[in-house]
PDB file of N, CA and C in Angstrom:
ATOM      1  N   MET A   1      86.308 117.638 135.083  1.00  0.00           N
ATOM      2  CA  MET A   1      85.529 116.419 135.157  1.00  0.00           C
ATOM      3  C   MET A   1      84.637 116.293 133.932  1.00  0.00           C
ATOM      4  N   LYS A   2      84.036 117.395 133.515  1.00  0.00           N
ATOM      5  CA  LYS A   2      83.123 117.364 132.381  1.00  0.00           C
ATOM      6  C   LYS A   2      83.859 117.017 131.091  1.00  0.00           C
ATOM      7  N   LYS A   3      85.087 117.548 130.936  1.00  0.00           N
ATOM      8  CA  LYS A   3      85.861 117.258 129.733  1.00  0.00           C
ATOM      9  C   LYS A   3      86.222 115.782 129.649  1.00  0.00           C
ATOM     10  N   SER A   4      86.584 115.173 130.778  1.00  0.00           N
ATOM     11  CA  SER A   4      86.947 113.762 130.765  1.00  0.00           C
ATOM     12  C   SER A   4      85.746 112.887 130.428  1.00  0.00           C
ATOM     13  N   VAL A   5      84.572 113.267 130.883  1.00  0.00           N
ATOM     14  CA  VAL A   5      83.359 112.516 130.553  1.00  0.00           C
ATOM     15  C   VAL A   5      83.051 112.657 129.061  1.00  0.00           C
ATOM     16  N   GLN A   6      83.200 113.862 128.531  1.00  0.00           N
ATOM     17  CA  GLN A   6      82.973 114.072 127.107  1.00  0.00           C
ATOM     18  C   GLN A   6      83.974 113.280 126.273  1.00  0.00           C
ATOM     19  N   PHE A   7      85.245 113.283 126.696  1.00  0.00           N
ATOM     20  CA  PHE A   7      86.273 112.543 125.975  1.00  0.00           C
ATOM     21  C   PHE A   7      85.985 111.050 126.012  1.00  0.00           C
ATOM     22  N   ALA A   8      85.596 110.537 127.177  1.00  0.00           N
ATOM     23  CA  ALA A   8      85.291 109.109 127.312  1.00  0.00           C
ATOM     24  C   ALA A   8      84.097 108.736 126.447  1.00  0.00           C
ATOM     25  N   SER A   9      83.096 109.590 126.391  1.00  0.00           N
ATOM     26  CA  SER A   9      81.928 109.326 125.551  1.00  0.00           C
ATOM     27  C   SER A   9      82.297 109.327 124.076  1.00  0.00           C
ATOM     28  N   LEU A  10      83.097 110.296 123.685  1.00  0.00           N
ATOM     29  CA  LEU A  10      83.531 110.375 122.297  1.00  0.00           C
ATOM     30  C   LEU A  10      84.378 109.167 121.922  1.00  0.00           C
ATOM     31  N   PHE A  11      85.297 108.778 122.807  1.00  0.00           N
ATOM     32  CA  PHE A  11      86.153 107.613 122.556  1.00  0.00           C
ATOM     33  C   PHE A  11      85.315 106.347 122.437  1.00  0.00           C
ATOM     34  N   ALA A  12      84.350 106.169 123.316  1.00  0.00           N
ATOM     35  CA  ALA A  12      83.475 104.996 123.273  1.00  0.00           C
ATOM     36  C   ALA A  12      82.668 104.976 121.981  1.00  0.00           C
ATOM     37  N   PHE A  13      82.196 106.131 121.536  1.00  0.00           N
ATOM     38  CA  PHE A  13      81.441 106.218 120.288  1.00  0.00           C
ATOM     39  C   PHE A  13      82.312 105.824 119.102  1.00  0.00           C
ATOM     40  N   ILE A  14      83.541 106.333 119.067  1.00  0.00           N
ATOM     41  CA  ILE A  14      84.453 106.028 117.955  1.00  0.00           C
ATOM     42  C   ILE A  14      84.801 104.550 117.943  1.00  0.00           C
ATOM     43  N   VAL A  15      85.085 103.987 119.105  1.00  0.00           N
ATOM     44  CA  VAL A  15      85.465 102.577 119.178  1.00  0.00           C
ATOM     45  C   VAL A  15      84.321 101.685 118.720  1.00  0.00           C
ATOM     46  N   THR A  16      83.102 101.997 119.120  1.00  0.00           N
ATOM     47  CA  THR A  16      81.974 101.153 118.733  1.00  0.00           C
ATOM     48  C   THR A  16      81.565 101.372 117.284  1.00  0.00           C
ATOM     49  N   THR A  17      81.855 102.521 116.728  1.00  0.00           N
ATOM     50  CA  THR A  17      81.483 102.803 115.347  1.00  0.00           C
ATOM     51  C   THR A  17      82.464 102.205 114.361  1.00  0.00           C
ATOM     52  N   PHE A  18      83.748 102.281 114.661  1.00  0.00           N
ATOM     53  CA  PHE A  18      84.777 101.873 113.716  1.00  0.00           C
ATOM     54  C   PHE A  18      85.452 100.570 114.130  1.00  0.00           C
ATOM     55  N   THR A  19      84.681  99.544 114.436  1.00  0.00           N
ATOM     56  CA  THR A  19      85.272  98.275 114.835  1.00  0.00           C
ATOM     57  C   THR A  19      85.477  97.334 113.657  1.00  0.00           C
ATOM     58  N   SER A  20      85.010  97.690 112.486  1.00  0.00           N
ATOM     59  CA  SER A  20      85.083  96.784 111.349  1.00  0.00           C
ATOM     60  C   SER A  20      86.498  96.714 110.783  1.00  0.00           C
ATOM     61  N   CYS A  21      87.011  95.511 110.695  1.00  0.00           N
ATOM     62  CA  CYS A  21      88.342  95.311 110.112  1.00  0.00           C
ATOM     63  C   CYS A  21      88.319  95.579 108.606  1.00  0.00           C
ATOM     64  N   GLU A  22      87.177  95.404 107.984  1.00  0.00           N
ATOM     65  CA  GLU A  22      87.064  95.640 106.541  1.00  0.00           C
ATOM     66  C   GLU A  22      87.306  97.105 106.205  1.00  0.00           C
ATOM     67  N   VAL A  23      86.824  97.997 107.047  1.00  0.00           N
ATOM     68  CA  VAL A  23      87.028  99.429 106.804  1.00  0.00           C
ATOM     69  C   VAL A  23      88.511  99.759 106.893  1.00  0.00           C
ATOM     70  N   VAL A  24      89.168  99.262 107.919  1.00  0.00           N
ATOM     71  CA  VAL A  24      90.589  99.527 108.103  1.00  0.00           C
ATOM     72  C   VAL A  24      91.393  98.906 106.964  1.00  0.00           C
ATOM     73  N   LYS A  25      91.039  97.698 106.569  1.00  0.00           N
ATOM     74  CA  LYS A  25      91.737  97.023 105.475  1.00  0.00           C
ATOM     75  C   LYS A  25      91.583  97.813 104.173  1.00  0.00           C
ATOM     76  N   GLY A  26      90.411  98.330 103.916  1.00  0.00           N
ATOM     77  CA  GLY A  26      90.184  99.133 102.714  1.00  0.00           C
ATOM     78  C   GLY A  26      90.990 100.416 102.703  1.00  0.00           C
ATOM     79  N   ILE A  27      91.082 101.049 103.858  1.00  0.00           N
ATOM     80  CA  ILE A  27      91.856 102.289 103.956  1.00  0.00           C
ATOM     81  C   ILE A  27      93.328 102.018 103.687  1.00  0.00           C
ATOM     82  N   PHE A  28      93.858 100.948 104.276  1.00  0.00           N
ATOM     83  CA  PHE A  28      95.270 100.646 104.086  1.00  0.00           C
ATOM     84  C   PHE A  28      95.562 100.197 102.656  1.00  0.00           C
ATOM     85  N   LYS A  29      94.637  99.468 102.028  1.00  0.00           N
ATOM     86  CA  LYS A  29      94.841  99.074 100.628  1.00  0.00           C
ATOM     87  C   LYS A  29      94.873 100.299  99.730  1.00  0.00           C
ATOM     88  N   ALA A  30      93.963 101.223  99.946  1.00  0.00           N
ATOM     89  CA  ALA A  30      93.934 102.441  99.137  1.00  0.00           C
ATOM     90  C   ALA A  30      95.198 103.250  99.370  1.00  0.00           C
ATOM     91  N   GLY A  31      95.637 103.340 100.600  1.00  0.00           N
ATOM     92  CA  GLY A  31      96.847 104.090 100.918  1.00  0.00           C
ATOM     93  C   GLY A  31      98.075 103.450 100.299  1.00  0.00           C
ATOM     94  N   MET A  32      98.149 102.125 100.340  1.00  0.00           N
ATOM     95  CA  MET A  32      99.292 101.427  99.778  1.00  0.00           C
ATOM     96  C   MET A  32      99.315 101.587  98.258  1.00  0.00           C
ATOM     97  N   GLY A  33      98.165 101.470  97.622  1.00  0.00           N
ATOM     98  CA  GLY A  33      98.103 101.646  96.166  1.00  0.00           C
ATOM     99  C   GLY A  33      98.524 103.039  95.749  1.00  0.00           C
ATOM    100  N   PHE A  34      98.059 104.041  96.469  1.00  0.00           N
ATOM    101  CA  PHE A  34      98.427 105.422  96.169  1.00  0.00           C
ATOM    102  C   PHE A  34      99.907 105.654  96.414  1.00  0.00           C
ATOM    103  N   GLY A  35     100.441 105.061  97.479  1.00  0.00           N
ATOM    104  CA  GLY A  35     101.866 105.196  97.784  1.00  0.00           C
ATOM    105  C   GLY A  35     102.734 104.582  96.700  1.00  0.00           C
ATOM    106  N   ILE A  36     102.351 103.410  96.222  1.00  0.00           N
ATOM    107  CA  ILE A  36     103.097 102.762  95.139  1.00  0.00           C
ATOM    108  C   ILE A  36     103.053 103.612  93.884  1.00  0.00           C
ATOM    109  N   PHE A  37     101.899 104.173  93.577  1.00  0.00           N
ATOM    110  CA  PHE A  37     101.760 105.043  92.404  1.00  0.00           C
ATOM    111  C   PHE A  37     102.678 106.260  92.513  1.00  0.00           C
ATOM    112  N   ILE A  38     102.732 106.874  93.682  1.00  0.00           N
ATOM    113  CA  ILE A  38     103.582 108.055  93.886  1.00  0.00           C
ATOM    114  C   ILE A  38     105.054 107.689  93.728  1.00  0.00           C
ATOM    115  N   VAL A  39     105.478 106.548  94.288  1.00  0.00           N
ATOM    116  CA  VAL A  39     106.873 106.130  94.175  1.00  0.00           C
ATOM    117  C   VAL A  39     107.243 105.893  92.720  1.00  0.00           C
ATOM    118  N   ILE A  40     106.395 105.224  91.969  1.00  0.00           N
ATOM    119  CA  ILE A  40     106.667 104.969  90.550  1.00  0.00           C
ATOM    120  C   ILE A  40     106.730 106.283  89.773  1.00  0.00           C
ATOM    121  N   ALA A  41     105.825 107.217  90.088  1.00  0.00           N
ATOM    122  CA  ALA A  41     105.826 108.511  89.409  1.00  0.00           C
ATOM    123  C   ALA A  41     107.110 109.288  89.696  1.00  0.00           C
ATOM    124  N   VAL A  42     107.575 109.268  90.938  1.00  0.00           N
ATOM    125  CA  VAL A  42     108.806 109.983  91.296  1.00  0.00           C
ATOM    126  C   VAL A  42     110.006 109.355  90.586  1.00  0.00           C
ATOM    127  N   ILE A  43     110.071 108.031  90.550  1.00  0.00           N
ATOM    128  CA  ILE A  43     111.170 107.356  89.863  1.00  0.00           C
ATOM    129  C   ILE A  43     111.150 107.696  88.373  1.00  0.00           C
ATOM    130  N   ALA A  44     109.963 107.731  87.762  1.00  0.00           N
ATOM    131  CA  ALA A  44     109.855 108.084  86.348  1.00  0.00           C
ATOM    132  C   ALA A  44     110.340 109.509  86.099  1.00  0.00           C
ATOM    133  N   VAL A  45     109.997 110.435  86.972  1.00  0.00           N
ATOM    134  CA  VAL A  45     110.435 111.826  86.813  1.00  0.00           C
ATOM    135  C   VAL A  45     111.951 111.928  86.954  1.00  0.00           C
ATOM    136  N   ILE A  46     112.524 111.202  87.915  1.00  0.00           N
ATOM    137  CA  ILE A  46     113.982 111.228  88.096  1.00  0.00           C
ATOM    138  C   ILE A  46     114.684 110.663  86.869  1.00  0.00           C
ATOM    139  N   ILE A  47     114.180 109.557  86.336  1.00  0.00           N
ATOM    140  CA  ILE A  47     114.775 108.968  85.125  1.00  0.00           C
ATOM    141  C   ILE A  47     114.663 109.936  83.951  1.00  0.00           C
ATOM    142  N   PHE A  48     113.519 110.603  83.829  1.00  0.00           N
ATOM    143  CA  PHE A  48     113.323 111.572  82.754  1.00  0.00           C
ATOM    144  C   PHE A  48     114.319 112.729  82.872  1.00  0.00           C
ATOM    145  N   ILE A  49     114.510 113.251  84.074  1.00  0.00           N
ATOM    146  CA  ILE A  49     115.439 114.369  84.281  1.00  0.00           C
ATOM    147  C   ILE A  49     116.871 113.934  83.981  1.00  0.00           C
ATOM    148  N   ILE A  50     117.250 112.749  84.444  1.00  0.00           N
ATOM    149  CA  ILE A  50     118.605 112.255  84.183  1.00  0.00           C
ATOM    150  C   ILE A  50     118.829 112.058  82.684  1.00  0.00           C
ATOM    151  N   SER A  51     117.832 111.542  81.991  1.00  0.00           N
ATOM    152  CA  SER A  51     117.992 111.338  80.545  1.00  0.00           C
ATOM    153  C   SER A  51     118.104 112.668  79.802  1.00  0.00           C
ATOM    154  N   LYS A  52     117.394 113.678  80.241  1.00  0.00           N
ATOM    155  CA  LYS A  52     117.476 114.993  79.603  1.00  0.00           C
ATOM    156  C   LYS A  52     118.830 115.648  79.882  1.00  0.00           C
ATOM    157  N   LEU A  53     119.330 115.504  81.089  1.00  0.00           N
ATOM    158  CA  LEU A  53     120.608 116.099  81.447  1.00  0.00           C
ATOM    159  C   LEU A  53     121.768 115.392  80.732  1.00  0.00           C
ATOM    160  N   SER A  54     121.710 114.096  80.623  1.00  0.00           N
ATOM    161  CA  SER A  54     122.790 113.359  79.963  1.00  0.00           C
ATOM    162  C   SER A  54     122.727 113.496  78.447  1.00  0.00           C
ATOM    163  N   GLY A  55     121.597 113.810  77.902  1.00  0.00           N
ATOM    164  CA  GLY A  55     121.433 113.979  76.458  1.00  0.00           C
ATOM    165  C   GLY A  55     122.035 115.297  75.937  1.00  0.00           C
ATOM    166  N   LYS A  56     122.158 116.279  76.784  1.00  0.00           N
ATOM    167  CA  LYS A  56     122.668 117.594  76.369  1.00  0.00           C
ATOM    168  C   LYS A  56     124.186 117.636  76.355  1.00  0.00           C
ATOM    169  N   LYS A  57     124.853 116.678  76.974  1.00  0.00           N
ATOM    170  CA  LYS A  57     126.316 116.728  77.039  1.00  0.00           C
ATOM    171  C   LYS A  57     126.949 116.251  75.773  1.00  0.00           C
TER     172      LYS A  57
END
């Protein structure tokens, strides 16, 4: 019983603290920007490796 009360209190605290859509929007924008950067970096590395391998033949 005590654990469920603690969980409910914690859940209520989190819900009331993080209700701002701006915070969530900022997190997703940062995540999307970082994800795009990682994808471009991986593609660049793959192109670099392919160019090095094809240049030696």
